[in-house]
C-alpha atoms as a PDB file:
ATOM      1  CA  MET A   1     -15.588  -7.085  17.036  1.00  0.00           C
ATOM      2  CA  THR A   2     -13.636 -10.313  16.515  1.00  0.00           C
ATOM      3  CA  PHE A   3     -16.561 -12.054  14.789  1.00  0.00           C
ATOM      4  CA  SER A   4     -17.179  -9.186  12.377  1.00  0.00           C
ATOM      5  CA  ARG A   5     -13.436  -8.929  11.726  1.00  0.00           C
ATOM      6  CA  ILE A   6     -13.201 -12.630  10.861  1.00  0.00           C
ATOM      7  CA  LEU A   7     -16.374 -12.530   8.744  1.00  0.00           C
ATOM      8  CA  THR A   8     -15.164  -9.561   6.715  1.00  0.00           C
ATOM      9  CA  ALA A   9     -11.794 -11.230   6.154  1.00  0.00           C
ATOM     10  CA  ALA A  10     -13.492 -14.496   5.157  1.00  0.00           C
ATOM     11  CA  VAL A  11     -15.328 -12.661   2.394  1.00  0.00           C
ATOM     12  CA  LEU A  12     -12.605 -10.314   1.194  1.00  0.00           C
ATOM     13  CA  ILE A  13      -9.550 -12.575   1.211  1.00  0.00           C
ATOM     14  CA  PRO A  14     -10.874 -15.213  -1.254  1.00  0.00           C
ATOM     15  CA  ALA A  15     -12.182 -12.445  -3.515  1.00  0.00           C
ATOM     16  CA  VAL A  16      -8.812 -10.666  -3.550  1.00  0.00           C
ATOM     17  CA  VAL A  17      -6.931 -13.913  -4.189  1.00  0.00           C
ATOM     18  CA  LEU A  18      -9.191 -14.773  -7.118  1.00  0.00           C
ATOM     19  CA  VAL A  19      -8.735 -11.322  -8.654  1.00  0.00           C
ATOM     20  CA  VAL A  20      -4.950 -11.332  -8.262  1.00  0.00           C
ATOM     21  CA  TRP A  21      -4.505 -14.853  -9.627  1.00  0.00           C
ATOM     22  CA  TRP A  22      -7.068 -15.024 -12.421  1.00  0.00           C
ATOM     23  CA  CYS A  23      -7.680 -11.474 -13.609  1.00  0.00           C
ATOM     24  CA  PRO A  24      -5.476  -9.514 -16.036  1.00  0.00           C
ATOM     25  CA  SER A  25      -3.456  -6.538 -14.863  1.00  0.00           C
ATOM     26  CA  SER A  26      -6.063  -4.178 -16.301  1.00  0.00           C
ATOM     27  CA  VAL A  27      -8.649  -5.445 -13.803  1.00  0.00           C
ATOM     28  CA  VAL A  28      -6.151  -5.344 -10.937  1.00  0.00           C
ATOM     29  CA  THR A  29      -5.312  -1.757 -11.923  1.00  0.00           C
ATOM     30  CA  VAL A  30      -8.971  -0.719 -11.899  1.00  0.00           C
ATOM     31  CA  LEU A  31      -9.546  -2.299  -8.491  1.00  0.00           C
ATOM     32  CA  ALA A  32      -6.303  -0.873  -7.060  1.00  0.00           C
ATOM     33  CA  THR A  33      -7.374   2.549  -8.311  1.00  0.00           C
ATOM     34  CA  ALA A  34     -10.784   2.175  -6.637  1.00  0.00           C
ATOM     35  CA  VAL A  35      -9.117   1.115  -3.391  1.00  0.00           C
ATOM     36  CA  VAL A  36      -6.699   4.043  -3.369  1.00  0.00           C
ATOM     37  CA  LEU A  37      -9.486   6.527  -4.151  1.00  0.00           C
ATOM     38  CA  LEU A  38     -11.515   5.249  -1.200  1.00  0.00           C
ATOM     39  CA  ALA A  39      -8.421   5.471   0.991  1.00  0.00           C
ATOM     40  CA  LEU A  40      -7.809   9.005  -0.303  1.00  0.00           C
ATOM     41  CA  LEU A  41     -11.291  10.080   0.767  1.00  0.00           C
ATOM     42  CA  GLU A  42     -10.607   8.756   4.259  1.00  0.00           C
ATOM     43  CA  PHE A  43      -7.170  10.402   4.315  1.00  0.00           C
ATOM     44  CA  PHE A  44      -8.650  13.791   3.431  1.00  0.00           C
ATOM     45  CA  SER A  45     -11.426  13.316   5.977  1.00  0.00           C
ATOM     46  CA  LEU A  46      -8.773  12.826   8.658  1.00  0.00           C
ATOM     47  CA  GLY A  47      -7.039  15.982   7.478  1.00  0.00           C
ATOM     48  CA  GLU A  48     -10.251  17.985   7.598  1.00  0.00           C
ATOM     49  CA  ARG A  49     -10.669  17.075  11.260  1.00  0.00           C
ATOM     50  CA  VAL A  50      -7.587  19.168  12.007  1.00  0.00           C
ATOM     51  CA  GLY A  51      -8.495  21.975   9.605  1.00  0.00           C
ATOM     52  CA  MET A  52      -6.488  20.801   6.586  1.00  0.00           C
ATOM     53  CA  HIS A  53      -8.705  20.769   3.498  1.00  0.00           C
ATOM     54  CA  GLY A  54      -6.923  19.104   0.602  1.00  0.00           C
ATOM     55  CA  PHE A  55      -7.556  19.150  -3.119  1.00  0.00           C
ATOM     56  CA  ARG A  56      -9.692  16.003  -3.234  1.00  0.00           C
ATOM     57  CA  ILE A  57     -10.704  15.988  -6.896  1.00  0.00           C
ATOM     58  CA  TRP A  58      -7.347  17.096  -8.299  1.00  0.00           C
ATOM     59  CA  THR A  59      -5.388  14.604  -6.192  1.00  0.00           C
ATOM     60  CA  GLY A  60      -7.790  11.819  -7.175  1.00  0.00           C
ATOM     61  CA  LEU A  61      -7.447  12.633 -10.881  1.00  0.00           C
ATOM     62  CA  CYS A  62      -3.646  12.588 -10.626  1.00  0.00           C
ATOM     63  CA  ALA A  63      -3.804   9.272  -8.760  1.00  0.00           C
ATOM     64  CA  VAL A  64      -5.919   7.764 -11.553  1.00  0.00           C
ATOM     65  CA  ALA A  65      -3.453   9.104 -14.145  1.00  0.00           C
ATOM     66  CA  ILE A  66      -0.478   7.575 -12.328  1.00  0.00           C
ATOM     67  CA  TYR A  67      -2.101   4.163 -12.023  1.00  0.00           C
ATOM     68  CA  PHE A  68      -3.262   4.181 -15.649  1.00  0.00           C
ATOM     69  CA  THR A  69       0.233   5.181 -16.759  1.00  0.00           C
ATOM     70  CA  LEU A  70       1.848   2.388 -14.756  1.00  0.00           C
ATOM     71  CA  TRP A  71      -0.542  -0.142 -16.259  1.00  0.00           C
ATOM     72  CA  LEU A  72       0.169   1.016 -19.829  1.00  0.00           C
ATOM     73  CA  ALA A  73       3.915   1.015 -19.202  1.00  0.00           C
ATOM     74  CA  SER A  74       3.697  -2.485 -17.739  1.00  0.00           C
ATOM     75  CA  ALA A  75       1.595  -3.711 -20.652  1.00  0.00           C
ATOM     76  CA  GLN A  76       4.220  -2.547 -23.137  1.00  0.00           C
ATOM     77  CA  GLU A  77       7.211  -3.999 -21.313  1.00  0.00           C
ATOM     78  CA  SER A  78       9.215  -6.831 -22.809  1.00  0.00           C
ATOM     79  CA  HIS A  79      10.567  -9.277 -20.245  1.00  0.00           C
ATOM     80  CA  ASN A  80      13.539 -11.606 -20.492  1.00  0.00           C
ATOM     81  CA  LEU A  81      13.942 -14.025 -17.607  1.00  0.00           C
ATOM     82  CA  SER A  82      17.202 -15.428 -16.343  1.00  0.00           C
ATOM     83  CA  GLY A  83      16.812 -17.871 -13.532  1.00  0.00           C
ATOM     84  CA  GLY A  84      13.151 -16.895 -13.438  1.00  0.00           C
ATOM     85  CA  LEU A  85      13.783 -13.401 -12.110  1.00  0.00           C
ATOM     86  CA  ARG A  86      15.419 -11.010 -14.593  1.00  0.00           C
ATOM     87  CA  ILE A  87      13.297  -8.138 -15.933  1.00  0.00           C
ATOM     88  CA  ILE A  88      14.208  -6.009 -18.938  1.00  0.00           C
ATOM     89  CA  ARG A  89      12.026  -2.951 -19.510  1.00  0.00           C
ATOM     90  CA  ASN A  90      11.411  -1.510 -22.946  1.00  0.00           C
ATOM     91  CA  SER A  91       8.486   0.864 -22.974  1.00  0.00           C
ATOM     92  CA  ASN A  92       8.356   3.742 -25.450  1.00  0.00           C
ATOM     93  CA  PHE A  93       5.220   4.998 -23.749  1.00  0.00           C
ATOM     94  CA  ALA A  94       7.084   5.532 -20.479  1.00  0.00           C
ATOM     95  CA  LEU A  95       9.498   7.902 -22.243  1.00  0.00           C
ATOM     96  CA  PHE A  96       6.735  10.396 -23.034  1.00  0.00           C
ATOM     97  CA  PHE A  97       4.254  10.036 -20.175  1.00  0.00           C
ATOM     98  CA  THR A  98       5.828   9.157 -16.852  1.00  0.00           C
ATOM     99  CA  THR A  99       4.960   9.284 -13.178  1.00  0.00           C
ATOM    100  CA  GLU A 100       7.394  12.184 -12.798  1.00  0.00           C
ATOM    101  CA  ILE A 101       5.528  14.215 -15.432  1.00  0.00           C
ATOM    102  CA  ILE A 102       2.230  13.547 -13.650  1.00  0.00           C
ATOM    103  CA  LEU A 103       3.754  14.656 -10.343  1.00  0.00           C
ATOM    104  CA  VAL A 104       4.957  17.907 -11.930  1.00  0.00           C
ATOM    105  CA  THR A 105       1.467  18.352 -13.380  1.00  0.00           C
ATOM    106  CA  PHE A 106       0.036  17.720  -9.912  1.00  0.00           C
ATOM    107  CA  VAL A 107       2.187  20.495  -8.437  1.00  0.00           C
ATOM    108  CA  LEU A 108       1.329  22.924 -11.251  1.00  0.00           C
ATOM    109  CA  GLY A 109      -2.374  22.106 -10.958  1.00  0.00           C
ATOM    110  CA  ALA A 110      -2.327  22.561  -7.188  1.00  0.00           C
ATOM    111  CA  THR A 111      -0.629  25.915  -7.690  1.00  0.00           C
ATOM    112  CA  ALA A 112      -3.295  26.958 -10.188  1.00  0.00           C
ATOM    113  CA  ILE A 113      -6.039  25.975  -7.737  1.00  0.00           C
ATOM    114  CA  ILE A 114      -4.407  28.126  -5.055  1.00  0.00           C
ATOM    115  CA  LEU A 115      -3.979  31.111  -7.386  1.00  0.00           C
ATOM    116  CA  PHE A 116      -7.342  31.011  -9.131  1.00  0.00           C
ATOM    117  CA  GLY A 117      -9.561  28.960  -6.813  1.00  0.00           C
ATOM    118  CA  ARG A 118     -12.095  30.158  -4.288  1.00  0.00           C
ATOM    119  CA  LYS A 119     -10.366  28.839  -1.196  1.00  0.00           C
ATOM    120  CA  PRO A 120      -8.945  31.418   1.209  1.00  0.00           C
ATOM    121  CA  VAL A 121      -5.265  32.059   0.571  1.00  0.00           C
ATOM    122  CA  VAL A 122      -4.578  31.493   4.267  1.00  0.00           C
ATOM    123  CA  ASP A 123      -5.494  27.812   3.758  1.00  0.00           C
ATOM    124  CA  SER A 124      -3.091  27.342   0.844  1.00  0.00           C
ATOM    125  CA  PHE A 125      -0.196  25.866   2.805  1.00  0.00           C
ATOM    126  CA  ALA A 126      -2.373  23.349   4.647  1.00  0.00           C
ATOM    127  CA  SER A 127      -4.216  22.374   1.460  1.00  0.00           C
ATOM    128  CA  ILE A 128      -1.113  21.666  -0.590  1.00  0.00           C
ATOM    129  CA  ALA A 129       0.597  19.999   2.389  1.00  0.00           C
ATOM    130  CA  VAL A 130      -2.150  17.425   2.968  1.00  0.00           C
ATOM    131  CA  SER A 131      -2.580  16.848  -0.786  1.00  0.00           C
ATOM    132  CA  ALA A 132       1.155  16.281  -1.262  1.00  0.00           C
ATOM    133  CA  ALA A 133       1.189  13.987   1.771  1.00  0.00           C
ATOM    134  CA  ALA A 134      -1.621  11.949   0.215  1.00  0.00           C
ATOM    135  CA  MET A 135       0.423  11.508  -2.952  1.00  0.00           C
ATOM    136  CA  LEU A 136       3.680  10.749  -1.139  1.00  0.00           C
ATOM    137  CA  PHE A 137       2.450   8.461   1.641  1.00  0.00           C
ATOM    138  CA  LEU A 138      -0.484   6.769  -0.086  1.00  0.00           C
ATOM    139  CA  VAL A 139      -0.820   7.027  -3.868  1.00  0.00           C
ATOM    140  CA  LEU A 140       2.810   6.489  -4.880  1.00  0.00           C
ATOM    141  CA  PRO A 141       3.761   3.600  -2.548  1.00  0.00           C
ATOM    142  CA  PHE A 142       0.480   1.738  -3.125  1.00  0.00           C
ATOM    143  CA  SER A 143       1.097   1.902  -6.891  1.00  0.00           C
ATOM    144  CA  ALA A 144       3.694  -0.846  -6.340  1.00  0.00           C
ATOM    145  CA  VAL A 145       0.760  -3.269  -6.313  1.00  0.00           C
ATOM    146  CA  ILE A 146       0.271  -2.589 -10.036  1.00  0.00           C
ATOM    147  CA  ARG A 147       3.997  -2.780 -10.747  1.00  0.00           C
ATOM    148  CA  ILE A 148       4.319  -6.138  -8.997  1.00  0.00           C
ATOM    149  CA  HIS A 149       1.323  -7.698 -10.739  1.00  0.00           C
ATOM    150  CA  GLY A 150       2.588  -6.594 -14.156  1.00  0.00           C
ATOM    151  CA  ALA A 151       6.039  -8.149 -13.639  1.00  0.00           C
ATOM    152  CA  PRO A 152       7.050 -11.714 -14.586  1.00  0.00           C
ATOM    153  CA  ASN A 153       5.636 -14.088 -11.983  1.00  0.00           C
ATOM    154  CA  GLY A 154       3.928 -10.963 -10.670  1.00  0.00           C
ATOM    155  CA  ARG A 155       0.812 -12.832  -9.571  1.00  0.00           C
ATOM    156  CA  LYS A 156       2.907 -15.003  -7.272  1.00  0.00           C
ATOM    157  CA  PHE A 157       4.831 -12.103  -5.794  1.00  0.00           C
ATOM    158  CA  LEU A 158       1.703 -10.009  -5.231  1.00  0.00           C
ATOM    159  CA  LEU A 159      -0.025 -12.912  -3.504  1.00  0.00           C
ATOM    160  CA  PHE A 160       3.124 -13.479  -1.464  1.00  0.00           C
ATOM    161  CA  THR A 161       3.071  -9.824  -0.389  1.00  0.00           C
ATOM    162  CA  LEU A 162      -0.607  -9.936   0.529  1.00  0.00           C
ATOM    163  CA  VAL A 163      -0.330 -13.194   2.450  1.00  0.00           C
ATOM    164  CA  LEU A 164       2.685 -12.114   4.496  1.00  0.00           C
ATOM    165  CA  VAL A 165       0.792  -8.939   5.467  1.00  0.00           C
ATOM    166  CA  TRP A 166      -2.401 -10.863   6.275  1.00  0.00           C
ATOM    167  CA  VAL A 167      -0.681 -13.588   8.297  1.00  0.00           C
ATOM    168  CA  GLY A 168       1.505 -11.075  10.135  1.00  0.00           C
ATOM    169  CA  ASP A 169      -1.450  -8.836  10.996  1.00  0.00           C
ATOM    170  CA  THR A 170      -3.549 -11.787  12.153  1.00  0.00           C
ATOM    171  CA  LEU A 171      -0.852 -13.189  14.436  1.00  0.00           C
ATOM    172  CA  ALA A 172      -0.084  -9.733  15.812  1.00  0.00           C
ATOM    173  CA  TYR A 173      -3.768  -9.178  16.580  1.00  0.00           C
ATOM    174  CA  PHE A 174      -4.344 -12.425  18.453  1.00  0.00           C
ATOM    175  CA  VAL A 175      -0.935 -12.668  20.147  1.00  0.00           C
ATOM    176  CA  GLY A 176      -1.133  -9.036  21.203  1.00  0.00           C
ATOM    177  CA  ARG A 177      -4.607  -9.497  22.670  1.00  0.00           C
ATOM    178  CA  SER A 178      -3.775 -12.749  24.470  1.00  0.00           C
ATOM    179  CA  VAL A 179      -0.219 -12.356  25.816  1.00  0.00           C
ATOM    180  CA  GLY A 180       0.833  -8.825  24.876  1.00  0.00           C
ATOM    181  CA  ARG A 181       2.231  -6.857  27.806  1.00  0.00           C
ATOM    182  CA  LEU A 182       4.970  -4.546  26.518  1.00  0.00           C
ATOM    183  CA  ARG A 183       3.427  -1.550  24.810  1.00  0.00           C
ATOM    184  CA  MET A 184       5.101  -0.740  21.525  1.00  0.00           C
ATOM    185  CA  ALA A 185       3.905   2.824  20.948  1.00  0.00           C
ATOM    186  CA  PRO A 186       1.426   3.673  23.704  1.00  0.00           C
ATOM    187  CA  TYR A 187       0.792   7.207  22.493  1.00  0.00           C
ATOM    188  CA  LEU A 188       0.189   6.274  18.860  1.00  0.00           C
ATOM    189  CA  SER A 189      -1.563   2.930  19.317  1.00  0.00           C
ATOM    190  CA  PRO A 190      -2.150   1.762  22.915  1.00  0.00           C
ATOM    191  CA  LYS A 191      -3.128  -1.780  21.897  1.00  0.00           C
ATOM    192  CA  LYS A 192       0.007  -2.546  19.878  1.00  0.00           C
ATOM    193  CA  THR A 193       2.605  -4.552  21.786  1.00  0.00           C
ATOM    194  CA  TRP A 194       6.133  -5.758  21.149  1.00  0.00           C
ATOM    195  CA  GLU A 195       4.905  -9.340  21.542  1.00  0.00           C
ATOM    196  CA  GLY A 196       2.446  -8.716  18.728  1.00  0.00           C
ATOM    197  CA  ALA A 197       5.145  -7.090  16.599  1.00  0.00           C
ATOM    198  CA  VAL A 198       7.445 -10.089  17.015  1.00  0.00           C
ATOM    199  CA  ALA A 199       4.582 -12.447  16.154  1.00  0.00           C
ATOM    200  CA  ASN A 200       3.894 -10.293  13.096  1.00  0.00           C
ATOM    201  CA  LEU A 201       7.506 -10.612  11.959  1.00  0.00           C
ATOM    202  CA  LEU A 202       7.687 -14.362  12.638  1.00  0.00           C
ATOM    203  CA  GLY A 203       4.445 -14.845  10.719  1.00  0.00           C
ATOM    204  CA  SER A 204       5.962 -13.249   7.627  1.00  0.00           C
ATOM    205  CA  VAL A 205       9.086 -15.406   7.934  1.00  0.00           C
ATOM    206  CA  MET A 206       6.865 -18.468   8.218  1.00  0.00           C
ATOM    207  CA  VAL A 207       5.083 -17.462   5.010  1.00  0.00           C
ATOM    208  CA  ALA A 208       8.451 -17.135   3.257  1.00  0.00           C
ATOM    209  CA  VAL A 209       9.619 -20.574   4.391  1.00  0.00           C
ATOM    210  CA  ILE A 210       6.370 -22.325   3.510  1.00  0.00           C
ATOM    211  CA  SER A 211       6.052 -20.683   0.091  1.00  0.00           C
ATOM    212  CA  GLN A 212       9.688 -21.034  -0.990  1.00  0.00           C
ATOM    213  CA  ARG A 213       9.168 -24.021  -3.283  1.00  0.00           C
ATOM    214  CA  TRP A 214       6.110 -22.455  -4.899  1.00  0.00           C
ATOM    215  CA  MET A 215       7.854 -19.113  -5.351  1.00  0.00           C
ATOM    216  CA  GLU A 216      10.917 -20.771  -6.933  1.00  0.00           C
ATOM    217  CA  MET A 217      13.219 -18.234  -5.302  1.00  0.00           C
ATOM    218  CA  PRO A 218      16.275 -18.731  -3.057  1.00  0.00           C
ATOM    219  CA  LEU A 219      15.094 -18.988   0.532  1.00  0.00           C
ATOM    220  CA  ARG A 220      17.563 -16.412   1.850  1.00  0.00           C
ATOM    221  CA  HIS A 221      16.196 -13.786  -0.537  1.00  0.00           C
ATOM    222  CA  LEU A 222      12.602 -14.706   0.178  1.00  0.00           C
ATOM    223  CA  ILE A 223      13.118 -14.463   3.946  1.00  0.00           C
ATOM    224  CA  LEU A 224      14.999 -11.169   3.680  1.00  0.00           C
ATOM    225  CA  MET A 225      12.284  -9.768   1.415  1.00  0.00           C
ATOM    226  CA  ALA A 226       9.597 -10.880   3.878  1.00  0.00           C
ATOM    227  CA  VAL A 227      11.439  -9.391   6.869  1.00  0.00           C
ATOM    228  CA  LEU A 228      12.015  -6.033   5.178  1.00  0.00           C
ATOM    229  CA  ALA A 229       8.444  -5.881   3.876  1.00  0.00           C
ATOM    230  CA  ASN A 230       7.076  -6.802   7.296  1.00  0.00           C
ATOM    231  CA  ILE A 231       9.088  -4.105   9.078  1.00  0.00           C
ATOM    232  CA  ALA A 232       7.969  -1.548   6.497  1.00  0.00           C
ATOM    233  CA  GLY A 233       4.382  -2.721   6.856  1.00  0.00           C
ATOM    234  CA  GLN A 234       4.457  -2.307  10.627  1.00  0.00           C
ATOM    235  CA  MET A 235       5.875   1.190  10.156  1.00  0.00           C
ATOM    236  CA  GLY A 236       2.996   1.959   7.807  1.00  0.00           C
ATOM    237  CA  ASP A 237       0.547   0.701  10.404  1.00  0.00           C
ATOM    238  CA  LEU A 238       2.045   2.981  13.055  1.00  0.00           C
ATOM    239  CA  LEU A 239       2.113   5.943  10.677  1.00  0.00           C
ATOM    240  CA  GLU A 240      -1.589   5.524   9.985  1.00  0.00           C
ATOM    241  CA  SER A 241      -2.171   5.323  13.737  1.00  0.00           C
ATOM    242  CA  ALA A 242      -0.405   8.689  13.987  1.00  0.00           C
ATOM    243  CA  TYR A 243      -2.806  10.118  11.385  1.00  0.00           C
ATOM    244  CA  LYS A 244      -5.808   8.881  13.356  1.00  0.00           C
ATOM    245  CA  ARG A 245      -4.390  10.031  16.685  1.00  0.00           C
ATOM    246  CA  SER A 246      -3.856  13.509  15.253  1.00  0.00           C
ATOM    247  CA  ALA A 247      -7.450  13.550  13.989  1.00  0.00           C
ATOM    248  CA  GLY A 248      -8.813  12.179  17.258  1.00  0.00           C
ATOM    249  CA  VAL A 249     -10.473   9.082  15.789  1.00  0.00           C
ATOM    250  CA  LYS A 250     -10.075   5.347  16.327  1.00  0.00           C
ATOM    251  CA  ASP A 251     -10.627   4.217  12.723  1.00  0.00           C
ATOM    252  CA  SER A 252     -10.225   5.968   9.381  1.00  0.00           C
ATOM    253  CA  GLY A 253     -13.764   4.930   8.409  1.00  0.00           C
ATOM    254  CA  THR A 254     -16.514   2.350   8.789  1.00  0.00           C
ATOM    255  CA  LEU A 255     -16.477   0.750   5.344  1.00  0.00           C
ATOM    256  CA  LEU A 256     -15.206  -2.668   6.481  1.00  0.00           C
ATOM    257  CA  PRO A 257     -16.922  -4.115   9.581  1.00  0.00           C
ATOM    258  CA  GLY A 258     -14.377  -5.100  12.209  1.00  0.00           C
ATOM    259  CA  HIS A 259     -11.520  -3.503  10.279  1.00  0.00           C
ATOM    260  CA  GLY A 260     -12.542   0.152  10.100  1.00  0.00           C
ATOM    261  CA  GLY A 261     -11.969   1.966   6.838  1.00  0.00           C
ATOM    262  CA  MET A 262     -10.094   1.147   3.658  1.00  0.00           C
ATOM    263  CA  LEU A 263      -7.043   3.011   4.901  1.00  0.00           C
ATOM    264  CA  ASP A 264      -7.065   0.863   8.046  1.00  0.00           C
ATOM    265  CA  ARG A 265      -7.093  -2.266   5.897  1.00  0.00           C
ATOM    266  CA  ILE A 266      -4.242  -1.363   3.531  1.00  0.00           C
ATOM    267  CA  ASP A 267      -1.969   0.650   5.849  1.00  0.00           C
ATOM    268  CA  ALA A 268       0.646  -2.127   6.096  1.00  0.00           C
ATOM    269  CA  LEU A 269       0.386  -3.039   2.407  1.00  0.00           C
ATOM    270  CA  ILE A 270       1.054   0.582   1.401  1.00  0.00           C
ATOM    271  CA  PHE A 271       4.614   0.314   2.736  1.00  0.00           C
ATOM    272  CA  ALA A 272       5.201  -3.424   2.266  1.00  0.00           C
ATOM    273  CA  ALA A 273       4.413  -3.513  -1.468  1.00  0.00           C
ATOM    274  CA  PRO A 274       7.113  -1.030  -2.588  1.00  0.00           C
ATOM    275  CA  VAL A 275       9.703  -2.903  -0.517  1.00  0.00           C
ATOM    276  CA  VAL A 276       8.872  -6.119  -2.371  1.00  0.00           C
ATOM    277  CA  TRP A 277       8.908  -4.305  -5.703  1.00  0.00           C
ATOM    278  CA  TYR A 278      12.264  -2.610  -5.207  1.00  0.00           C
ATOM    279  CA  TYR A 279      13.820  -5.731  -3.725  1.00  0.00           C
ATOM    280  CA  LEU A 280      12.777  -7.613  -6.861  1.00  0.00           C
ATOM    281  CA  SER A 281      14.130  -4.815  -9.031  1.00  0.00           C
ATOM    282  CA  TRP A 282      17.449  -4.910  -7.186  1.00  0.00           C
ATOM    283  CA  LEU A 283      17.568  -8.690  -7.381  1.00  0.00           C
ATOM    284  CA  THR A 284      17.017  -8.763 -11.141  1.00  0.00           C
ATOM    285  CA  GLN A 285      19.955  -6.402 -11.589  1.00  0.00           C
ATOM    286  CA  ASN A 286      22.379  -8.238  -9.319  1.00  0.00           C
ATOM    287  CA  VAL A 287      21.589 -11.976  -9.545  1.00  0.00           C
END
C-alpha cells in the first residue's frame, strides 16, 4: 500500500506542478473539469449504494458549464495590482452568463427530469438531493481551482494550495501510522488520529514559512491562510469519509493505486481551495 501510494504520488505530483506552472488557464480548466467529472461519477456511485440515484448526465453538463463560464470570466478580467495583491474585476460576460444562472438552470432542468423523465416519482427526492449535494459539496467548491489560477500570481497561489495539502496529508499519514494513538473520529475514519491532524496542520504552516519569500506575501497572512485552508481541508477529508462510511466502502474508487479514487485524492483540496480563494479576495479588498 505504501509503495503504490508513493509511486502514484511520484508520477502525479510532477505532472500537476508542470501543468499548473506552465500551462494556460484554458488547459487547467479542461483538466479541472475532467477531474471533477471523474469525482462526480464516484460521488454518484456512492449514492447509488444507498439507493440514491442522481442525475449524472445533467449534473455533469452543468458542472462543465460552470467551469467554462468561470474560465471565460477570468479570461476577460482586467487586473490592477497594488502591493502585488489587488484584483479588479471587469467582465461583461459575467453579467449575462453567471454561475447563479447555471445553478437556476440546474434546478429547472432537474425539475423537468422529475416531471417528464422515466424515473419513478418516489425516487424524486433522493435523486435531486444527491444531485444538489454533488453541486454544493463538490462542483462549486472545487471550481476555486480555476478562479485561483486565473488570478494575478494565480500559478503561485494554486501551487501553494496544492503543496500545503500534499505536505499536510503526507505528514498526517506517516505520523498517524507511526505514533498516532488518539482517534480523531473513530466512527467516520478509524485510522485518523489527533496526532496526525496536528502534524497535518504543522506541515501546512511549515509550507507557509518556507514559501513566504517566493510568495511575496506578508508572513502573517500566509500562515493564517495556510491554517484556515488546512482546517477546511481536514474537514473535507472527514466529510468524504462520512460519504464512504454511509455507502459501506473504504475508498471512493480504484483509479489511483494506493490512493483510492479521484474523490479520495481531492477531498481536502475541495474545501481548501475556496478558503484560499476567498481569503485572497478579502485581502485584496482590505489591504
